[in-house]
Amino acid sequence: MPEGMAAQADLVWRRIGIVLREAGLDYINIFRVVTYLVDVEDAPAHAQVRARYLGDARPASTGIVVSRLFNPAYRLEVDISAAWPA
């Protein structure tokens, strides 16, 4: 895992894009995001990276600060929900 919030966030969002494309979806299909951060001070850096991937999309979002993540090297985890248009 890369060091620093921006590098980790970029890797996470690139991987999300891979999974979305495999399902025939794209970032615009995301309707909910839950972000788990170890340090609330990392929120602005994550927000900048996230904005590059989501563009003008504004899915429902929740941020949760946790004492640690499963892998102690991780600074964030992102849980998304996406769907095909109706």
Protein backbone atom coordinates (compact mmCIF):
# COMPACT_ATOMS: atom_id res chain seq x y z
CA MET A 1 0.00 0.00 0.00
CA PRO A 2 1.38 3.42 -0.92
CA GLU A 3 2.21 5.86 1.85
CA GLY A 4 0.24 9.06 2.36
CA MET A 5 -3.47 9.71 2.09
CA ALA A 6 -3.49 11.03 -1.49
CA ALA A 7 -1.59 8.01 -2.83
CA GLN A 8 -3.74 5.52 -0.92
CA ALA A 9 -6.97 7.27 -1.90
CA ASP A 10 -5.93 7.30 -5.55
CA LEU A 11 -5.20 3.56 -5.45
CA VAL A 12 -8.55 2.84 -3.77
CA TRP A 13 -10.53 4.87 -6.31
CA ARG A 14 -8.66 3.33 -9.26
CA ARG A 15 -9.51 -0.13 -7.91
CA ILE A 16 -13.14 0.89 -7.46
CA GLY A 17 -13.15 1.91 -11.13
CA ILE A 18 -11.82 -1.51 -12.17
CA VAL A 19 -14.57 -3.28 -10.24
CA LEU A 20 -17.23 -0.95 -11.63
CA ARG A 21 -16.10 -1.51 -15.21
CA GLU A 22 -16.08 -5.28 -14.73
CA ALA A 23 -19.74 -4.95 -13.73
CA GLY A 24 -20.54 -2.76 -16.73
CA LEU A 25 -20.78 0.38 -14.59
CA ASP A 26 -18.83 3.60 -14.11
CA TYR A 27 -18.29 6.13 -11.33
CA ILE A 28 -21.50 7.96 -12.33
CA ASN A 29 -23.46 4.86 -11.22
CA ILE A 30 -22.33 5.21 -7.59
CA PHE A 31 -25.20 6.30 -5.38
CA ARG A 32 -23.67 5.80 -1.89
CA VAL A 33 -20.17 6.10 -0.45
CA VAL A 34 -19.03 5.25 3.08
CA THR A 35 -15.46 6.26 3.88
CA TYR A 36 -13.62 4.94 6.93
CA LEU A 37 -10.68 7.14 7.94
CA VAL A 38 -8.12 6.51 10.64
CA ASP A 39 -7.35 10.24 10.93
CA VAL A 40 -9.99 12.92 10.39
CA GLU A 41 -7.21 15.27 9.26
CA ASP A 42 -6.95 13.11 6.11
CA ALA A 43 -10.51 14.01 5.04
CA PRO A 44 -9.56 17.01 2.84
CA ALA A 45 -6.87 15.04 0.97
CA HIS A 46 -9.31 12.19 0.37
CA ALA A 47 -12.01 14.63 -0.77
CA GLN A 48 -9.69 16.06 -3.43
CA VAL A 49 -8.85 12.63 -4.82
CA ARG A 50 -12.48 11.51 -4.66
CA ALA A 51 -13.58 14.62 -6.57
CA ARG A 52 -11.21 13.75 -9.44
CA TYR A 53 -12.95 10.39 -9.86
CA LEU A 54 -16.57 11.38 -9.16
CA GLY A 55 -16.55 14.70 -11.01
CA ASP A 56 -19.90 16.44 -10.60
CA ALA A 57 -21.61 13.33 -9.17
CA ARG A 58 -22.75 13.78 -5.57
CA PRO A 59 -23.72 10.37 -4.15
CA ALA A 60 -24.98 10.10 -0.59
CA SER A 61 -21.88 10.06 1.57
CA THR A 62 -20.89 9.16 5.11
CA GLY A 63 -17.48 9.55 6.72
CA ILE A 64 -16.58 7.51 9.77
CA VAL A 65 -13.43 7.95 11.84
CA VAL A 66 -12.17 4.65 13.25
CA SER A 67 -9.35 3.81 15.64
CA ARG A 68 -7.78 1.43 13.12
CA LEU A 69 -8.51 -0.63 10.05
CA PHE A 70 -8.01 -4.34 9.50
CA ASN A 71 -4.65 -3.72 7.86
CA PRO A 72 -2.74 -1.18 10.00
CA ALA A 73 -0.95 0.16 6.88
CA TYR A 74 -4.28 1.40 5.47
CA ARG A 75 -5.34 4.98 6.18
CA LEU A 76 -8.78 4.57 4.62
CA GLU A 77 -11.31 2.13 3.31
CA VAL A 78 -14.15 3.05 0.97
CA ASP A 79 -17.43 1.17 0.63
CA ILE A 80 -19.55 2.07 -2.39
CA SER A 81 -22.97 1.10 -3.68
CA ALA A 82 -23.68 1.40 -7.39
CA ALA A 83 -26.50 0.39 -9.69
CA TRP A 84 -27.50 0.40 -13.34
CA PRO A 85 -29.85 3.24 -14.30
CA ALA A 86 -33.53 2.38 -14.08
